[in-house]
Every structure is written in structure tokens, then in C-alpha cells.
Amino acid sequence: MECIPEVEQFFEPMPEAGAVVITVTFEERDGKTHLVAHELYPSKEARDGALESGMEHGMRETMDQLEELIATLR
């Protein structure tokens, strides 16, 4: 599969925390595509609230599903 580097940035409003800036980058490393995701919260309290909400588990689950999907495309 060919790697096509791409960057996507978007804002996700969180009612109790304000806007979260999410940047997703697809990078080529040694012929493979790596997904790098960064989330910038407006405060430590907003970040802690997101972690307490279970979002980390949800993201891990989403990445596992993406990995399974990609495996079917090879």
C-alpha cells in the first residue's frame, strides 16, 4: 500500500470544557503509514475530565478496529 501523508485538524466542542483542538497526521515511516493523533485541551481540568469520561478506552477500541480493517485491505 502506498502511504499518502496527510494532516487533518479540527475542533471538537465540549460543552463543559470549551473547544478541543485535534490534529491527526498520517506519516510515512520506513514504507509504512503511521497515524499520529494529538489533542489539545483548553485546561488540565478539561483534559482530566475527558480521561475520566472513558474516552481513552474508546480511542483504543477505535484504533484496534482501524487496525483490523486495514489488515483486511492488504
Protein backbone atom coordinates (compact mmCIF):
# COMPACT_ATOMS: atom_id res chain seq x y z
CA MET A 1 0.00 0.00 0.00
CA GLU A 2 1.24 3.47 -0.80
CA CYS A 3 1.47 6.00 2.02
CA ILE A 4 -0.05 9.38 1.29
CA PRO A 5 0.95 11.82 4.03
CA GLU A 6 -1.98 13.91 5.14
CA VAL A 7 -2.79 16.23 8.02
CA GLU A 8 -6.27 16.91 9.28
CA GLN A 9 -7.09 19.38 12.02
CA PHE A 10 -10.47 20.03 13.52
CA PHE A 11 -12.11 21.44 16.61
CA GLU A 12 -14.44 19.45 18.78
CA PRO A 13 -16.66 21.49 21.08
CA MET A 14 -17.05 20.04 24.57
CA PRO A 15 -19.96 21.64 26.42
CA GLU A 16 -18.22 21.69 29.79
CA ALA A 17 -14.65 22.33 28.58
CA GLY A 18 -14.66 24.53 25.50
CA ALA A 19 -13.04 23.58 22.20
CA VAL A 20 -10.53 20.77 21.90
CA VAL A 21 -8.07 21.05 19.01
CA ILE A 22 -7.49 17.62 17.47
CA THR A 23 -4.74 17.11 14.91
CA VAL A 24 -4.44 13.81 13.04
CA THR A 25 -1.39 13.20 10.88
CA PHE A 26 -0.66 10.28 8.58
CA GLU A 27 3.11 9.92 8.20
CA GLU A 28 5.28 7.58 6.15
CA ARG A 29 7.94 5.76 8.16
CA ASP A 30 10.03 3.03 6.55
CA GLY A 31 7.37 2.44 3.90
CA LYS A 32 4.53 2.16 6.41
CA THR A 33 1.82 4.60 7.37
CA HIS A 34 1.73 5.83 10.96
CA LEU A 35 -1.25 7.66 12.38
CA VAL A 36 -0.36 10.31 14.95
CA ALA A 37 -3.18 12.00 16.87
CA HIS A 38 -2.77 14.96 19.21
CA GLU A 39 -5.50 16.52 21.32
CA LEU A 40 -5.01 19.95 22.87
CA TYR A 41 -7.38 20.74 25.72
CA PRO A 42 -8.02 24.28 26.96
CA SER A 43 -7.05 23.30 30.52
CA LYS A 44 -5.73 20.46 32.65
CA GLU A 45 -9.19 20.14 34.17
CA ALA A 46 -10.75 19.66 30.72
CA ARG A 47 -8.18 17.00 29.86
CA ASP A 48 -8.71 15.21 33.17
CA GLY A 49 -12.48 15.30 32.62
CA ALA A 50 -12.10 13.73 29.19
CA LEU A 51 -9.91 10.97 30.61
CA GLU A 52 -12.39 10.32 33.41
CA SER A 53 -15.20 10.03 30.87
CA GLY A 54 -13.68 6.87 29.39
CA MET A 55 -12.57 8.48 26.14
CA GLU A 56 -9.17 6.80 26.36
CA HIS A 57 -10.79 3.35 26.29
CA GLY A 58 -12.97 4.44 23.38
CA MET A 59 -9.96 5.68 21.40
CA ARG A 60 -8.06 2.45 22.00
CA GLU A 61 -11.08 0.48 20.80
CA THR A 62 -11.37 2.67 17.70
CA MET A 63 -7.67 2.23 16.86
CA ASP A 64 -7.99 -1.56 17.28
CA GLN A 65 -10.93 -1.56 14.87
CA LEU A 66 -8.99 0.56 12.38
CA GLU A 67 -6.05 -1.84 12.57
CA GLU A 68 -8.38 -4.80 11.90
CA LEU A 69 -9.91 -3.01 8.91
CA ILE A 70 -6.52 -2.15 7.44
CA ALA A 71 -5.43 -5.79 7.78
CA THR A 72 -8.32 -6.80 5.51
CA LEU A 73 -7.13 -4.38 2.81
CA ARG A 74 -3.65 -5.86 2.48
